[in-house]
């Protein structure tokens, strides 16, 4: 089975689970609360407050296609953090990363953006915390 067919099957399966109210871990429940936010410069970091909880994320290193950089998320009390990168109106494949907590309580992952053959650089990062909160922030690659 080729990689494209596997990726398409996985995407369809995850979509079907979402429609049924199930998440990949088999957990049931409502979908995460989604909040849009601005993130002008992910290298400088982006922050928001949800109730009494402060959440921030950013990158170490400037995001560039096909060049690894580190994504970090600070979400006090979080147990799981997953991030994904998409591009509006463009299928960029699956770009989903599970972040791991370090000793300081910061979740981190080494990530890679795919290259867009059209030359676009308008990305949307989505950070999901504990399957309950989803932050979505557009950002543009530096030119």
N, C-alpha and C. Protein backbone atom coordinates (compact mmCIF):
# COMPACT_ATOMS: atom_id res chain seq x y z
N UNK A 1 0.85 -1.17 0.00
CA UNK A 1 0.00 0.00 0.00
C UNK A 1 0.90 1.23 0.00
N UNK A 2 0.63 2.20 -0.87
CA UNK A 2 1.52 3.36 -0.92
C UNK A 2 1.18 4.38 0.17
N UNK A 3 2.10 5.31 0.40
CA UNK A 3 1.96 6.28 1.49
C UNK A 3 0.74 7.18 1.31
N UNK A 4 0.42 7.56 0.08
CA UNK A 4 -0.73 8.43 -0.17
C UNK A 4 -2.02 7.73 0.23
N UNK A 5 -2.14 6.47 -0.12
CA UNK A 5 -3.34 5.71 0.22
C UNK A 5 -3.46 5.53 1.73
N UNK A 6 -2.35 5.27 2.39
CA UNK A 6 -2.36 5.13 3.85
C UNK A 6 -2.77 6.43 4.51
N UNK A 7 -2.20 7.56 4.06
CA UNK A 7 -2.53 8.87 4.64
C UNK A 7 -4.00 9.20 4.42
N UNK A 8 -4.51 8.93 3.21
CA UNK A 8 -5.92 9.20 2.92
C UNK A 8 -6.83 8.34 3.79
N UNK A 9 -6.49 7.08 3.97
CA UNK A 9 -7.30 6.18 4.81
C UNK A 9 -7.31 6.65 6.26
N UNK A 10 -6.14 7.07 6.75
CA UNK A 10 -6.05 7.57 8.12
C UNK A 10 -6.89 8.82 8.30
N UNK A 11 -6.81 9.75 7.36
CA UNK A 11 -7.59 10.99 7.44
C UNK A 11 -9.09 10.69 7.44
N UNK A 12 -9.52 9.78 6.58
CA UNK A 12 -10.94 9.43 6.53
C UNK A 12 -11.39 8.76 7.84
N UNK A 13 -10.53 7.90 8.38
CA UNK A 13 -10.86 7.23 9.65
C UNK A 13 -10.97 8.20 10.80
N UNK A 14 -10.04 9.15 10.89
CA UNK A 14 -10.11 10.15 11.96
C UNK A 14 -11.33 11.05 11.80
N UNK A 15 -11.66 11.39 10.55
CA UNK A 15 -12.86 12.19 10.30
C UNK A 15 -14.12 11.46 10.73
N UNK A 16 -14.18 10.17 10.43
CA UNK A 16 -15.35 9.37 10.83
C UNK A 16 -15.46 9.30 12.35
N UNK A 17 -14.33 9.12 13.04
CA UNK A 17 -14.36 9.11 14.51
C UNK A 17 -14.86 10.43 15.06
N UNK A 18 -14.40 11.54 14.46
CA UNK A 18 -14.83 12.86 14.93
C UNK A 18 -16.34 13.04 14.76
N UNK A 19 -16.87 12.56 13.64
CA UNK A 19 -18.31 12.69 13.42
C UNK A 19 -19.11 11.87 14.42
N UNK A 20 -18.54 10.79 14.90
CA UNK A 20 -19.21 9.95 15.88
C UNK A 20 -19.02 10.44 17.31
N UNK A 21 -18.24 11.52 17.47
CA UNK A 21 -17.98 12.03 18.81
C UNK A 21 -16.90 11.25 19.53
N UNK A 22 -16.10 10.49 18.79
CA UNK A 22 -15.00 9.72 19.38
C UNK A 22 -13.67 10.34 18.96
N UNK A 23 -12.69 10.23 19.82
CA UNK A 23 -11.36 10.71 19.49
C UNK A 23 -10.45 9.51 19.32
N UNK A 24 -9.29 9.69 18.71
CA UNK A 24 -8.42 8.54 18.41
C UNK A 24 -8.11 7.65 19.60
N UNK A 25 -8.06 8.17 20.81
CA UNK A 25 -7.78 7.36 21.98
C UNK A 25 -8.98 6.56 22.44
N UNK A 26 -10.09 6.62 21.70
CA UNK A 26 -11.30 5.90 22.07
C UNK A 26 -12.15 6.67 23.07
N UNK A 27 -11.73 7.89 23.39
CA UNK A 27 -12.46 8.67 24.38
C UNK A 27 -13.73 9.23 23.74
N UNK A 28 -14.78 9.24 24.51
CA UNK A 28 -16.02 9.83 24.04
C UNK A 28 -16.14 11.21 24.65
N UNK A 29 -17.03 12.00 24.09
CA UNK A 29 -17.28 13.30 24.69
C UNK A 29 -17.40 14.37 23.64
N UNK A 30 -17.71 15.56 24.11
CA UNK A 30 -17.89 16.67 23.18
C UNK A 30 -16.56 17.06 22.55
N UNK A 31 -16.64 17.68 21.39
CA UNK A 31 -15.39 18.13 20.77
C UNK A 31 -14.75 19.24 21.62
N UNK A 32 -13.46 19.46 21.44
CA UNK A 32 -12.79 20.51 22.21
C UNK A 32 -13.38 21.88 21.93
N UNK A 33 -13.31 22.76 22.91
CA UNK A 33 -13.71 24.15 22.73
C UNK A 33 -12.65 24.80 21.84
N UNK A 34 -13.06 25.44 20.76
CA UNK A 34 -12.12 26.06 19.82
C UNK A 34 -12.08 27.57 20.02
N UNK A 35 -10.86 28.10 20.09
CA UNK A 35 -10.66 29.53 20.27
C UNK A 35 -9.64 30.00 19.25
N UNK A 36 -9.99 31.03 18.49
CA UNK A 36 -9.07 31.62 17.55
C UNK A 36 -8.25 32.69 18.25
N UNK A 37 -7.01 32.84 17.85
CA UNK A 37 -6.16 33.86 18.44
C UNK A 37 -5.16 34.35 17.41
N UNK A 38 -4.58 35.51 17.66
CA UNK A 38 -3.57 36.06 16.76
C UNK A 38 -2.20 35.56 17.18
N UNK A 39 -1.34 35.35 16.20
CA UNK A 39 0.04 34.96 16.47
C UNK A 39 0.90 35.58 15.38
N UNK A 40 1.23 36.85 15.56
CA UNK A 40 1.97 37.58 14.55
C UNK A 40 3.37 37.03 14.36
N UNK A 41 4.03 36.67 15.46
CA UNK A 41 5.41 36.21 15.40
C UNK A 41 5.61 35.01 16.31
N UNK A 42 5.51 33.78 15.77
CA UNK A 42 5.65 32.60 16.64
C UNK A 42 7.01 32.49 17.30
N UNK A 43 8.06 33.09 16.74
CA UNK A 43 9.37 33.05 17.37
C UNK A 43 9.35 33.84 18.68
N UNK A 44 8.63 34.95 18.70
CA UNK A 44 8.50 35.75 19.93
C UNK A 44 7.53 35.12 20.91
N UNK A 45 6.69 34.22 20.43
CA UNK A 45 5.70 33.56 21.28
C UNK A 45 4.35 34.24 21.20
N UNK A 46 3.32 33.49 21.48
CA UNK A 46 1.94 33.96 21.44
C UNK A 46 1.25 33.49 22.72
N UNK A 47 0.41 34.32 23.29
CA UNK A 47 -0.21 33.98 24.57
C UNK A 47 -1.66 34.41 24.60
N UNK A 48 -2.44 33.69 25.42
CA UNK A 48 -3.83 34.04 25.65
C UNK A 48 -4.23 33.54 27.03
N UNK A 49 -5.35 34.02 27.52
CA UNK A 49 -5.92 33.55 28.78
C UNK A 49 -7.28 32.96 28.48
N UNK A 50 -7.53 31.80 29.06
CA UNK A 50 -8.84 31.16 28.98
C UNK A 50 -9.29 31.01 30.42
N UNK A 51 -10.19 31.88 30.85
CA UNK A 51 -10.57 31.90 32.26
C UNK A 51 -9.37 32.27 33.10
N UNK A 52 -9.02 31.44 34.06
CA UNK A 52 -7.86 31.72 34.91
C UNK A 52 -6.59 31.00 34.42
N UNK A 53 -6.67 30.42 33.23
CA UNK A 53 -5.53 29.65 32.70
C UNK A 53 -4.79 30.44 31.62
N UNK A 54 -3.48 30.61 31.81
CA UNK A 54 -2.65 31.26 30.80
C UNK A 54 -2.03 30.17 29.93
N UNK A 55 -2.12 30.35 28.63
CA UNK A 55 -1.55 29.39 27.68
C UNK A 55 -0.70 30.18 26.70
N UNK A 56 0.50 29.67 26.42
CA UNK A 56 1.35 30.32 25.44
C UNK A 56 2.06 29.26 24.60
N UNK A 57 2.44 29.65 23.41
CA UNK A 57 3.19 28.74 22.54
C UNK A 57 4.05 29.56 21.60
N UNK A 58 5.02 28.90 21.03
CA UNK A 58 5.90 29.58 20.08
C UNK A 58 6.91 28.59 19.52
N UNK A 59 7.89 29.14 18.84
CA UNK A 59 8.91 28.31 18.21
C UNK A 59 10.29 28.77 18.64
N UNK A 60 11.19 27.82 18.69
CA UNK A 60 12.61 28.14 18.81
C UNK A 60 13.17 27.94 17.42
N UNK A 61 13.54 29.00 16.83
CA UNK A 61 13.96 28.96 15.43
C UNK A 61 12.82 29.43 14.55
N UNK A 62 13.18 30.03 13.47
CA UNK A 62 12.19 30.56 12.54
C UNK A 62 11.60 29.43 11.70
N UNK A 63 10.28 29.30 11.69
CA UNK A 63 9.67 28.25 10.86
C UNK A 63 9.98 28.46 9.37
N UNK A 64 10.52 27.43 8.76
CA UNK A 64 10.79 27.42 7.33
C UNK A 64 10.45 26.03 6.81
N UNK A 65 9.90 25.93 5.60
CA UNK A 65 9.58 24.62 5.05
C UNK A 65 10.82 23.72 4.97
N UNK A 66 10.62 22.47 5.33
CA UNK A 66 11.61 21.41 5.26
C UNK A 66 12.82 21.60 6.18
N UNK A 67 12.75 22.57 7.11
CA UNK A 67 13.82 22.77 8.08
C UNK A 67 13.26 22.55 9.48
N UNK A 68 13.78 21.56 10.21
CA UNK A 68 13.26 21.28 11.55
C UNK A 68 13.39 22.49 12.48
N UNK A 69 12.37 22.68 13.30
CA UNK A 69 12.41 23.69 14.35
C UNK A 69 11.63 23.14 15.53
N UNK A 70 11.80 23.77 16.68
CA UNK A 70 11.12 23.29 17.87
C UNK A 70 9.86 24.12 18.14
N UNK A 71 8.78 23.43 18.42
CA UNK A 71 7.53 24.05 18.85
C UNK A 71 7.40 23.81 20.35
N UNK A 72 7.05 24.84 21.11
CA UNK A 72 6.85 24.70 22.56
C UNK A 72 5.48 25.24 22.94
N UNK A 73 4.91 24.64 23.97
CA UNK A 73 3.60 25.06 24.50
C UNK A 73 3.68 25.04 26.02
N UNK A 74 3.28 26.17 26.63
CA UNK A 74 3.17 26.25 28.08
C UNK A 74 1.68 26.26 28.41
N UNK A 75 1.24 25.22 29.11
CA UNK A 75 -0.16 25.09 29.49
C UNK A 75 -0.17 24.44 30.87
N UNK A 76 -0.05 25.25 31.92
CA UNK A 76 0.03 24.71 33.28
C UNK A 76 -1.09 23.70 33.57
N UNK A 77 -0.69 22.57 34.11
CA UNK A 77 -1.65 21.53 34.48
C UNK A 77 -2.06 20.61 33.34
N UNK A 78 -1.57 20.86 32.13
CA UNK A 78 -1.96 20.03 30.99
C UNK A 78 -1.34 18.64 31.10
N UNK A 79 -2.07 17.67 30.56
CA UNK A 79 -1.58 16.29 30.52
C UNK A 79 -1.18 15.88 29.11
N UNK A 80 -1.83 16.47 28.09
CA UNK A 80 -1.48 16.14 26.72
C UNK A 80 -1.61 17.37 25.83
N UNK A 81 -0.71 17.47 24.87
CA UNK A 81 -0.72 18.57 23.90
C UNK A 81 -0.40 18.00 22.52
N UNK A 82 -1.24 18.33 21.57
CA UNK A 82 -1.05 17.93 20.18
C UNK A 82 -1.15 19.19 19.33
N UNK A 83 -0.28 19.30 18.34
CA UNK A 83 -0.31 20.46 17.45
C UNK A 83 -0.36 19.99 16.01
N UNK A 84 -1.01 20.80 15.18
CA UNK A 84 -1.06 20.49 13.75
C UNK A 84 -0.89 21.78 12.95
N UNK A 85 -0.42 21.62 11.74
CA UNK A 85 -0.23 22.74 10.84
C UNK A 85 -1.05 22.50 9.58
N UNK A 86 -1.82 23.49 9.18
CA UNK A 86 -2.62 23.41 7.96
C UNK A 86 -2.45 24.72 7.20
N UNK A 87 -2.92 24.72 5.97
CA UNK A 87 -2.90 25.92 5.15
C UNK A 87 -4.32 26.11 4.61
N UNK A 88 -4.88 27.31 4.76
CA UNK A 88 -6.25 27.53 4.28
C UNK A 88 -6.40 27.17 2.79
N UNK A 89 -7.46 26.43 2.50
CA UNK A 89 -7.82 26.06 1.13
C UNK A 89 -6.70 25.32 0.38
N UNK A 90 -5.87 24.58 1.12
CA UNK A 90 -4.78 23.83 0.47
C UNK A 90 -4.56 22.55 1.27
N UNK A 91 -4.59 21.42 0.62
CA UNK A 91 -4.32 20.16 1.29
C UNK A 91 -2.82 20.00 1.44
N UNK A 92 -2.33 20.05 2.66
CA UNK A 92 -0.90 19.92 2.93
C UNK A 92 -0.58 18.57 3.57
N UNK A 93 -1.50 17.63 3.51
CA UNK A 93 -1.27 16.32 4.13
C UNK A 93 -1.42 16.41 5.64
N UNK A 94 -1.05 15.34 6.32
CA UNK A 94 -1.15 15.32 7.78
C UNK A 94 0.14 15.85 8.39
N UNK A 95 0.01 16.89 9.18
CA UNK A 95 1.14 17.51 9.86
C UNK A 95 0.77 17.64 11.33
N UNK A 96 0.69 16.50 12.01
CA UNK A 96 0.23 16.45 13.41
C UNK A 96 1.38 15.97 14.28
N UNK A 97 1.59 16.66 15.39
CA UNK A 97 2.69 16.34 16.29
C UNK A 97 2.20 16.23 17.72
N UNK A 98 2.67 15.20 18.43
CA UNK A 98 2.40 15.06 19.85
C UNK A 98 3.59 15.66 20.59
N UNK A 99 3.31 16.64 21.43
CA UNK A 99 4.37 17.30 22.19
C UNK A 99 4.56 16.57 23.51
N UNK A 100 5.78 16.55 23.98
CA UNK A 100 6.12 15.87 25.24
C UNK A 100 6.57 16.90 26.26
N UNK A 101 6.15 16.70 27.51
CA UNK A 101 6.53 17.63 28.58
C UNK A 101 7.99 17.44 28.94
N UNK A 102 8.68 18.56 29.15
CA UNK A 102 10.06 18.49 29.63
C UNK A 102 10.05 18.66 31.15
N UNK A 103 11.18 18.73 31.76
CA UNK A 103 11.27 18.85 33.21
C UNK A 103 10.72 20.14 33.77
N UNK A 104 10.54 21.15 32.91
CA UNK A 104 10.03 22.45 33.35
C UNK A 104 8.52 22.59 33.12
N UNK A 105 7.86 21.52 32.68
CA UNK A 105 6.43 21.59 32.42
C UNK A 105 6.06 22.24 31.10
N UNK A 106 7.05 22.40 30.21
CA UNK A 106 6.80 22.94 28.88
C UNK A 106 6.73 21.76 27.92
N UNK A 107 5.73 21.74 27.08
CA UNK A 107 5.57 20.68 26.09
C UNK A 107 6.36 21.08 24.84
N UNK A 108 7.11 20.12 24.28
CA UNK A 108 7.97 20.42 23.13
C UNK A 108 7.91 19.30 22.09
N UNK A 109 8.14 19.70 20.84
CA UNK A 109 8.29 18.73 19.76
C UNK A 109 9.14 19.36 18.66
N UNK A 110 9.89 18.53 18.01
CA UNK A 110 10.64 18.94 16.82
C UNK A 110 9.70 18.73 15.64
N UNK A 111 9.44 19.80 14.88
CA UNK A 111 8.46 19.74 13.80
C UNK A 111 9.08 20.20 12.49
N UNK A 112 8.42 19.83 11.41
CA UNK A 112 8.86 20.23 10.07
C UNK A 112 7.62 20.61 9.26
N UNK A 113 7.65 21.81 8.68
CA UNK A 113 6.57 22.21 7.77
C UNK A 113 6.88 21.67 6.38
N UNK A 114 5.86 21.17 5.70
CA UNK A 114 6.10 20.74 4.32
C UNK A 114 6.27 21.98 3.43
N UNK A 115 6.76 21.77 2.26
CA UNK A 115 6.90 22.88 1.32
C UNK A 115 5.62 23.00 0.51
N UNK A 116 5.23 24.22 0.24
CA UNK A 116 4.05 24.46 -0.60
C UNK A 116 4.56 24.79 -2.00
N UNK A 117 4.18 23.99 -2.97
CA UNK A 117 4.71 24.18 -4.32
C UNK A 117 4.26 25.50 -4.95
N UNK A 118 3.17 26.09 -4.41
CA UNK A 118 2.72 27.37 -4.94
C UNK A 118 3.50 28.54 -4.34
N UNK A 119 4.33 28.27 -3.32
CA UNK A 119 5.13 29.33 -2.71
C UNK A 119 4.42 30.06 -1.58
N UNK A 120 3.23 29.62 -1.22
CA UNK A 120 2.49 30.28 -0.13
C UNK A 120 3.18 30.05 1.20
N UNK A 121 2.90 30.94 2.15
CA UNK A 121 3.47 30.82 3.48
C UNK A 121 2.48 31.16 4.57
N UNK A 122 1.18 31.09 4.25
CA UNK A 122 0.14 31.42 5.23
C UNK A 122 -0.34 30.15 5.91
N UNK A 123 0.12 29.95 7.13
CA UNK A 123 -0.16 28.74 7.88
C UNK A 123 -1.14 28.98 9.01
N UNK A 124 -1.75 27.89 9.47
CA UNK A 124 -2.60 27.91 10.66
C UNK A 124 -2.06 26.83 11.59
N UNK A 125 -1.67 27.25 12.79
CA UNK A 125 -1.26 26.27 13.80
C UNK A 125 -2.45 26.04 14.71
N UNK A 126 -2.72 24.79 14.99
CA UNK A 126 -3.78 24.41 15.92
C UNK A 126 -3.15 23.62 17.05
N UNK A 127 -3.35 24.09 18.27
CA UNK A 127 -2.81 23.44 19.46
C UNK A 127 -3.99 22.91 20.27
N UNK A 128 -4.01 21.60 20.50
CA UNK A 128 -5.09 20.99 21.28
C UNK A 128 -4.53 20.53 22.62
N UNK A 129 -5.18 20.97 23.69
CA UNK A 129 -4.73 20.68 25.05
C UNK A 129 -5.75 19.79 25.74
N UNK A 130 -5.30 18.63 26.20
CA UNK A 130 -6.12 17.69 26.96
C UNK A 130 -7.43 17.32 26.27
N UNK A 131 -7.45 17.32 24.96
CA UNK A 131 -8.66 16.98 24.19
C UNK A 131 -9.85 17.86 24.55
N UNK A 132 -9.60 19.00 25.22
CA UNK A 132 -10.70 19.84 25.69
C UNK A 132 -10.63 21.26 25.15
N UNK A 133 -9.45 21.72 24.81
CA UNK A 133 -9.27 23.10 24.37
C UNK A 133 -8.44 23.11 23.10
N UNK A 134 -8.92 23.81 22.09
CA UNK A 134 -8.21 23.89 20.81
C UNK A 134 -7.98 25.37 20.48
N UNK A 135 -6.71 25.76 20.39
CA UNK A 135 -6.35 27.12 20.00
C UNK A 135 -5.91 27.10 18.55
N UNK A 136 -6.40 28.03 17.76
CA UNK A 136 -6.03 28.11 16.35
C UNK A 136 -5.52 29.51 16.06
N UNK A 137 -4.31 29.59 15.49
CA UNK A 137 -3.69 30.88 15.22
C UNK A 137 -3.03 30.89 13.86
N UNK A 138 -3.43 31.84 13.00
CA UNK A 138 -2.75 31.96 11.72
C UNK A 138 -1.39 32.64 11.91
N UNK A 139 -0.41 32.26 11.07
CA UNK A 139 0.86 32.95 11.05
C UNK A 139 1.43 32.85 9.64
N UNK A 140 2.30 33.76 9.32
CA UNK A 140 2.90 33.78 7.99
C UNK A 140 4.40 33.56 8.12
N UNK A 141 4.95 32.84 7.17
CA UNK A 141 6.40 32.64 7.15
C UNK A 141 7.07 33.93 6.76
N UNK A 142 8.21 34.21 7.37
CA UNK A 142 8.98 35.40 7.04
C UNK A 142 9.54 35.25 5.63
N UNK A 143 9.57 36.31 4.91
CA UNK A 143 10.10 36.27 3.54
C UNK A 143 11.40 37.02 3.48
